[in-house]
C-alpha atoms as a PDB file:
ATOM      1  CA  MET A   1      33.296 -32.317 -62.466  1.00  0.00           C
ATOM      2  CA  ASN A   2      34.477 -31.792 -58.913  1.00  0.00           C
ATOM      3  CA  ASP A   3      36.587 -34.355 -57.090  1.00  0.00           C
ATOM      4  CA  LEU A   4      34.508 -35.339 -54.032  1.00  0.00           C
ATOM      5  CA  ASN A   5      37.525 -36.749 -52.190  1.00  0.00           C
ATOM      6  CA  ALA A   6      39.493 -33.524 -52.645  1.00  0.00           C
ATOM      7  CA  LEU A   7      36.472 -31.442 -51.593  1.00  0.00           C
ATOM      8  CA  ALA A   8      35.978 -33.654 -48.530  1.00  0.00           C
ATOM      9  CA  ASP A   9      39.626 -33.181 -47.518  1.00  0.00           C
ATOM     10  CA  GLU A  10      39.510 -29.417 -48.098  1.00  0.00           C
ATOM     11  CA  HIS A  11      36.282 -28.802 -46.231  1.00  0.00           C
ATOM     12  CA  LEU A  12      37.054 -31.149 -43.360  1.00  0.00           C
ATOM     13  CA  ALA A  13      40.288 -29.201 -42.764  1.00  0.00           C
ATOM     14  CA  ALA A  14      38.280 -25.956 -42.919  1.00  0.00           C
ATOM     15  CA  ALA A  15      35.656 -27.337 -40.504  1.00  0.00           C
ATOM     16  CA  ARG A  16      38.349 -28.337 -38.011  1.00  0.00           C
ATOM     17  CA  ALA A  17      39.708 -24.763 -38.131  1.00  0.00           C
ATOM     18  CA  ASP A  18      36.274 -23.083 -37.967  1.00  0.00           C
ATOM     19  CA  ALA A  19      34.959 -21.839 -34.615  1.00  0.00           C
ATOM     20  CA  HIS A  20      31.614 -23.554 -35.302  1.00  0.00           C
ATOM     21  CA  GLY A  21      33.231 -26.732 -36.672  1.00  0.00           C
ATOM     22  CA  ARG A  22      31.583 -26.564 -40.114  1.00  0.00           C
ATOM     23  CA  SER A  23      32.351 -25.888 -43.750  1.00  0.00           C
ATOM     24  CA  ALA A  24      30.204 -26.265 -46.868  1.00  0.00           C
ATOM     25  CA  HIS A  25      30.483 -26.015 -50.631  1.00  0.00           C
ATOM     26  CA  LEU A  26      27.616 -25.738 -53.121  1.00  0.00           C
ATOM     27  CA  LEU A  27      28.710 -28.353 -55.633  1.00  0.00           C
ATOM     28  CA  LEU A  28      25.859 -28.266 -58.132  1.00  0.00           C
ATOM     29  CA  ARG A  29      22.995 -25.872 -58.703  1.00  0.00           C
ATOM     30  CA  GLN A  30      20.600 -26.768 -61.491  1.00  0.00           C
ATOM     31  CA  GLU A  31      17.251 -25.540 -60.215  1.00  0.00           C
ATOM     32  CA  PRO A  32      15.394 -27.150 -58.629  1.00  0.00           C
ATOM     33  CA  LEU A  33      18.316 -29.519 -57.808  1.00  0.00           C
ATOM     34  CA  ARG A  34      21.148 -28.579 -55.453  1.00  0.00           C
ATOM     35  CA  GLN A  35      24.038 -30.675 -54.160  1.00  0.00           C
ATOM     36  CA  THR A  36      26.149 -29.477 -51.248  1.00  0.00           C
ATOM     37  CA  VAL A  37      29.197 -30.987 -49.585  1.00  0.00           C
ATOM     38  CA  ILE A  38      29.027 -30.329 -45.829  1.00  0.00           C
ATOM     39  CA  ALA A  39      31.911 -31.055 -43.462  1.00  0.00           C
ATOM     40  CA  LEU A  40      31.489 -31.151 -39.686  1.00  0.00           C
ATOM     41  CA  ALA A  41      34.196 -31.566 -37.074  1.00  0.00           C
ATOM     42  CA  GLY A  42      33.364 -34.261 -34.531  1.00  0.00           C
ATOM     43  CA  GLY A  43      30.782 -33.025 -32.006  1.00  0.00           C
ATOM     44  CA  SER A  44      29.638 -30.157 -34.238  1.00  0.00           C
ATOM     45  CA  ALA A  45      26.052 -29.874 -35.375  1.00  0.00           C
ATOM     46  CA  LEU A  46      23.662 -28.236 -37.773  1.00  0.00           C
ATOM     47  CA  ASP A  47      20.808 -26.974 -35.616  1.00  0.00           C
ATOM     48  CA  GLU A  48      17.247 -28.052 -36.275  1.00  0.00           C
ATOM     49  CA  HIS A  49      15.918 -26.719 -39.577  1.00  0.00           C
ATOM     50  CA  ASN A  50      13.071 -27.332 -42.043  1.00  0.00           C
ATOM     51  CA  ALA A  51      13.341 -30.047 -44.658  1.00  0.00           C
ATOM     52  CA  PRO A  52      13.212 -29.254 -48.387  1.00  0.00           C
ATOM     53  CA  PRO A  53      10.427 -30.914 -50.402  1.00  0.00           C
ATOM     54  CA  ALA A  54      12.772 -33.807 -51.296  1.00  0.00           C
ATOM     55  CA  ALA A  55      16.322 -34.557 -50.168  1.00  0.00           C
ATOM     56  CA  SER A  56      18.839 -37.301 -49.507  1.00  0.00           C
ATOM     57  CA  LEU A  57      21.972 -37.444 -47.401  1.00  0.00           C
ATOM     58  CA  GLN A  58      25.015 -39.554 -48.285  1.00  0.00           C
ATOM     59  CA  VAL A  59      27.847 -39.906 -45.796  1.00  0.00           C
ATOM     60  CA  LEU A  60      31.193 -39.643 -47.571  1.00  0.00           C
ATOM     61  CA  ARG A  61      33.365 -39.772 -44.431  1.00  0.00           C
ATOM     62  CA  GLY A  62      32.866 -40.424 -40.732  1.00  0.00           C
ATOM     63  CA  ALA A  63      29.575 -40.839 -38.888  1.00  0.00           C
ATOM     64  CA  VAL A  64      26.575 -38.587 -38.243  1.00  0.00           C
ATOM     65  CA  ARG A  65      23.245 -38.659 -36.454  1.00  0.00           C
ATOM     66  CA  ILE A  66      20.127 -37.161 -38.014  1.00  0.00           C
ATOM     67  CA  THR A  67      17.969 -35.887 -35.161  1.00  0.00           C
ATOM     68  CA  ALA A  68      14.212 -35.604 -35.626  1.00  0.00           C
ATOM     69  CA  ALA A  69      11.021 -35.859 -33.560  1.00  0.00           C
ATOM     70  CA  SER A  70      10.174 -39.140 -35.315  1.00  0.00           C
ATOM     71  CA  GLY A  71      13.469 -40.656 -34.138  1.00  0.00           C
ATOM     72  CA  ASN A  72      17.207 -40.304 -34.519  1.00  0.00           C
ATOM     73  CA  VAL A  73      19.121 -42.170 -37.218  1.00  0.00           C
ATOM     74  CA  GLU A  74      22.858 -42.840 -37.214  1.00  0.00           C
ATOM     75  CA  MET A  75      24.717 -43.133 -40.514  1.00  0.00           C
ATOM     76  CA  THR A  76      28.285 -44.049 -41.415  1.00  0.00           C
ATOM     77  CA  ALA A  77      30.445 -43.642 -44.518  1.00  0.00           C
ATOM     78  CA  GLY A  78      28.838 -45.155 -47.606  1.00  0.00           C
ATOM     79  CA  GLU A  79      25.258 -44.909 -46.380  1.00  0.00           C
ATOM     80  CA  LEU A  80      22.556 -42.999 -48.239  1.00  0.00           C
ATOM     81  CA  ARG A  81      19.050 -42.250 -46.999  1.00  0.00           C
ATOM     82  CA  PRO A  82      16.246 -39.772 -47.484  1.00  0.00           C
ATOM     83  CA  VAL A  83      16.159 -36.710 -45.249  1.00  0.00           C
ATOM     84  CA  PRO A  84      13.156 -36.792 -42.879  1.00  0.00           C
ATOM     85  CA  GLN A  85      10.254 -34.682 -44.078  1.00  0.00           C
ATOM     86  CA  GLU A  86      10.117 -32.768 -40.796  1.00  0.00           C
ATOM     87  CA  ARG A  87      12.312 -30.375 -38.832  1.00  0.00           C
ATOM     88  CA  HIS A  88      15.620 -32.093 -38.195  1.00  0.00           C
ATOM     89  CA  GLY A  89      19.249 -31.517 -37.244  1.00  0.00           C
ATOM     90  CA  LEU A  90      22.569 -33.170 -37.980  1.00  0.00           C
ATOM     91  CA  LEU A  91      25.246 -34.084 -35.430  1.00  0.00           C
ATOM     92  CA  ALA A  92      28.759 -35.254 -36.318  1.00  0.00           C
ATOM     93  CA  LEU A  93      29.553 -38.266 -34.132  1.00  0.00           C
ATOM     94  CA  GLU A  94      33.137 -37.949 -35.409  1.00  0.00           C
ATOM     95  CA  ASP A  95      34.730 -35.823 -38.130  1.00  0.00           C
ATOM     96  CA  ALA A  96      32.334 -36.246 -41.044  1.00  0.00           C
ATOM     97  CA  VAL A  97      31.598 -35.149 -44.591  1.00  0.00           C
ATOM     98  CA  VAL A  98      28.176 -35.568 -46.206  1.00  0.00           C
ATOM     99  CA  LEU A  99      26.673 -34.913 -49.612  1.00  0.00           C
ATOM    100  CA  LEU A 100      23.236 -33.300 -49.358  1.00  0.00           C
ATOM    101  CA  THR A 101      21.108 -33.558 -52.492  1.00  0.00           C
ATOM    102  CA  ALA A 102      17.982 -31.398 -52.329  1.00  0.00           C
ATOM    103  CA  VAL A 103      15.125 -30.493 -54.635  1.00  0.00           C
ATOM    104  CA  ASN A 104      13.457 -27.193 -53.887  1.00  0.00           C
ATOM    105  CA  ASP A 105      10.272 -25.748 -55.288  1.00  0.00           C
END
């Protein structure tokens, strides 16, 4: 099993050094389930994209804002919530690491 704290540290350092302020690691792939650790430097974003059929986002470090037409939602470390079932984006309000769990068809 992977150490989430070590992965968070590693990918947050990589995100801070990346020109786009991001770094990701596919942690688990057991189709149709995927889990990905995503690190974003503060102020960086994942542009709007389509939602998978089912997904949740857990904030491991920092704070993020999920942006969607239905309304924006801010999350901080320790929070877990479903990903909106619509096009959405993700903005790091500060340096942040999230765990995305997605089920794809």
